[in-house]
Amino acid sequence: MAQVYGPPSNVQPPPIGGISDWESYQKQCAKYVSDLQALAKKNGQSELLGEIYRTPMGDGYAEYVVWRTKPLELVHLEIDDAWRAPAPLERGLRLADIKQYVERARRWTALTTEMAL
């Protein structure tokens, strides 16, 4: 079962309200996610650390970074619309679910990259 947390105090998401420059906001979001992923990879040896887990929610996605695998801990990405999955879904996630998602996402990225060439 997963535990979901907000980001550590030393890595805060860019502010959502009052966005006037969308390109700049997207760059800030990318840096925020990259910083969280780098920190997550320091939490052990699993190749899943720092991976992004996404699930459809509303008109977008609820997104999380895999923070630890034993026990499973995720950090909610409070970016864009900052959708969050319902608590029962978050709590019910298992490490096997995350592994399966990451494997599918990697295969999809490889397939679409290959098709673009």
Protein backbone atom coordinates (compact mmCIF):
# COMPACT_ATOMS: atom_id res chain seq x y z
CA MET A 1 0.00 0.00 0.00
CA ALA A 2 1.25 3.44 -0.91
CA GLN A 3 1.78 6.54 1.19
CA VAL A 4 1.50 9.86 -0.64
CA TYR A 5 3.28 12.99 0.50
CA GLY A 6 3.80 16.55 -0.62
CA PRO A 7 7.23 17.65 -1.78
CA PRO A 8 10.09 18.11 0.70
CA SER A 9 10.38 21.66 2.02
CA ASN A 10 13.57 22.35 0.05
CA VAL A 11 11.88 21.65 -3.32
CA GLN A 12 8.67 23.58 -3.85
CA PRO A 13 6.50 23.61 -6.99
CA PRO A 14 6.17 26.75 -9.06
CA PRO A 15 3.11 28.83 -8.10
CA ILE A 16 0.00 27.90 -10.08
CA GLY A 17 -1.99 31.14 -9.84
CA GLY A 18 -1.39 34.17 -11.99
CA ILE A 19 0.54 32.48 -14.79
CA SER A 20 1.33 35.09 -17.41
CA ASP A 21 4.14 33.31 -19.28
CA TRP A 22 3.16 29.70 -19.99
CA GLU A 23 6.53 28.77 -21.50
CA SER A 24 8.38 30.00 -18.42
CA TYR A 25 5.94 28.13 -16.15
CA GLN A 26 6.50 24.87 -18.08
CA LYS A 27 10.28 25.28 -17.72
CA GLN A 28 9.87 25.83 -13.96
CA CYS A 29 7.70 22.70 -13.77
CA ALA A 30 10.30 20.65 -15.66
CA LYS A 31 13.03 21.81 -13.28
CA TYR A 32 10.85 21.06 -10.24
CA VAL A 33 10.14 17.52 -11.48
CA SER A 34 13.81 16.97 -12.38
CA ASP A 35 14.92 18.14 -8.93
CA LEU A 36 12.45 15.78 -7.22
CA GLN A 37 13.53 12.88 -9.42
CA ALA A 38 17.19 13.48 -8.55
CA LEU A 39 16.39 13.51 -4.83
CA ALA A 40 14.27 10.38 -5.11
CA LYS A 41 17.11 8.47 -6.78
CA LYS A 42 19.18 9.03 -3.63
CA ASN A 43 16.67 6.99 -1.57
CA GLY A 44 17.96 3.56 -2.61
CA GLN A 45 18.94 1.38 -5.53
CA SER A 46 15.62 0.61 -7.23
CA GLU A 47 15.36 1.62 -10.88
CA LEU A 48 11.83 2.82 -10.11
CA LEU A 49 13.03 5.65 -7.87
CA GLY A 50 12.32 8.97 -9.55
CA GLU A 51 9.95 7.49 -12.12
CA ILE A 52 6.68 9.32 -12.79
CA TYR A 53 3.36 7.57 -12.17
CA ARG A 54 0.36 9.18 -13.90
CA THR A 55 -3.33 8.33 -13.76
CA PRO A 56 -6.11 10.10 -15.68
CA MET A 57 -8.07 12.54 -13.52
CA GLY A 58 -10.55 15.21 -14.55
CA ASP A 59 -9.27 16.90 -17.70
CA GLY A 60 -5.66 15.92 -17.06
CA TYR A 61 -3.59 13.63 -14.87
CA ALA A 62 -2.75 13.06 -11.24
CA GLU A 63 1.04 12.73 -11.26
CA TYR A 64 3.45 11.36 -8.68
CA VAL A 65 7.18 10.69 -8.34
CA VAL A 66 8.22 7.33 -6.88
CA TRP A 67 10.06 8.42 -3.73
CA ARG A 68 10.72 5.05 -2.06
CA THR A 69 9.81 1.50 -2.94
CA LYS A 70 9.98 -0.20 0.48
CA PRO A 71 7.55 0.90 1.73
CA LEU A 72 6.01 2.43 -1.39
CA GLU A 73 6.05 6.22 -1.05
CA LEU A 74 5.02 8.70 -3.73
CA VAL A 75 5.36 12.48 -3.89
CA HIS A 76 2.39 14.24 -5.44
CA LEU A 77 3.41 16.61 -8.24
CA GLU A 78 1.55 19.84 -7.60
CA ILE A 79 1.92 21.22 -11.12
CA ASP A 80 -0.42 22.30 -13.90
CA ASP A 81 -3.92 21.57 -12.54
CA ALA A 82 -2.41 19.62 -9.59
CA TRP A 83 -5.00 16.85 -9.91
CA ARG A 84 -4.83 14.24 -7.21
CA ALA A 85 -6.33 10.75 -7.32
CA PRO A 86 -8.91 9.85 -4.66
CA ALA A 87 -7.31 8.67 -1.41
CA PRO A 88 -8.56 5.06 -1.74
CA LEU A 89 -6.84 4.79 -5.14
CA GLU A 90 -3.61 6.30 -3.79
CA ARG A 91 -3.59 4.00 -0.76
CA GLY A 92 -4.35 0.94 -2.88
CA LEU A 93 -1.36 1.30 -5.20
CA ARG A 94 1.16 -1.51 -4.92
CA LEU A 95 4.76 -1.66 -6.07
CA ALA A 96 3.68 -4.18 -8.73
CA ASP A 97 1.25 -1.58 -10.14
CA ILE A 98 4.04 1.00 -10.40
CA LYS A 99 6.41 -1.51 -12.07
CA GLN A 100 3.77 -2.45 -14.63
CA TYR A 101 2.98 1.20 -15.36
CA VAL A 102 6.66 2.14 -15.79
CA GLU A 103 7.30 -0.83 -18.10
CA ARG A 104 4.32 0.14 -20.30
CA ALA A 105 5.36 3.81 -20.35
CA ARG A 106 8.91 2.87 -21.38
CA ARG A 107 7.66 0.57 -24.16
CA TRP A 108 5.28 3.29 -25.42
CA THR A 109 8.07 5.88 -25.43
CA ALA A 110 10.37 3.52 -27.32
CA LEU A 111 7.65 2.69 -29.86
CA THR A 112 6.65 6.28 -30.50
CA THR A 113 10.29 7.40 -30.70
CA GLU A 114 11.02 4.65 -33.20
CA MET A 115 7.95 5.58 -35.27
CA ALA A 116 9.04 9.22 -35.37
CA LEU A 117 12.39 8.35 -36.93
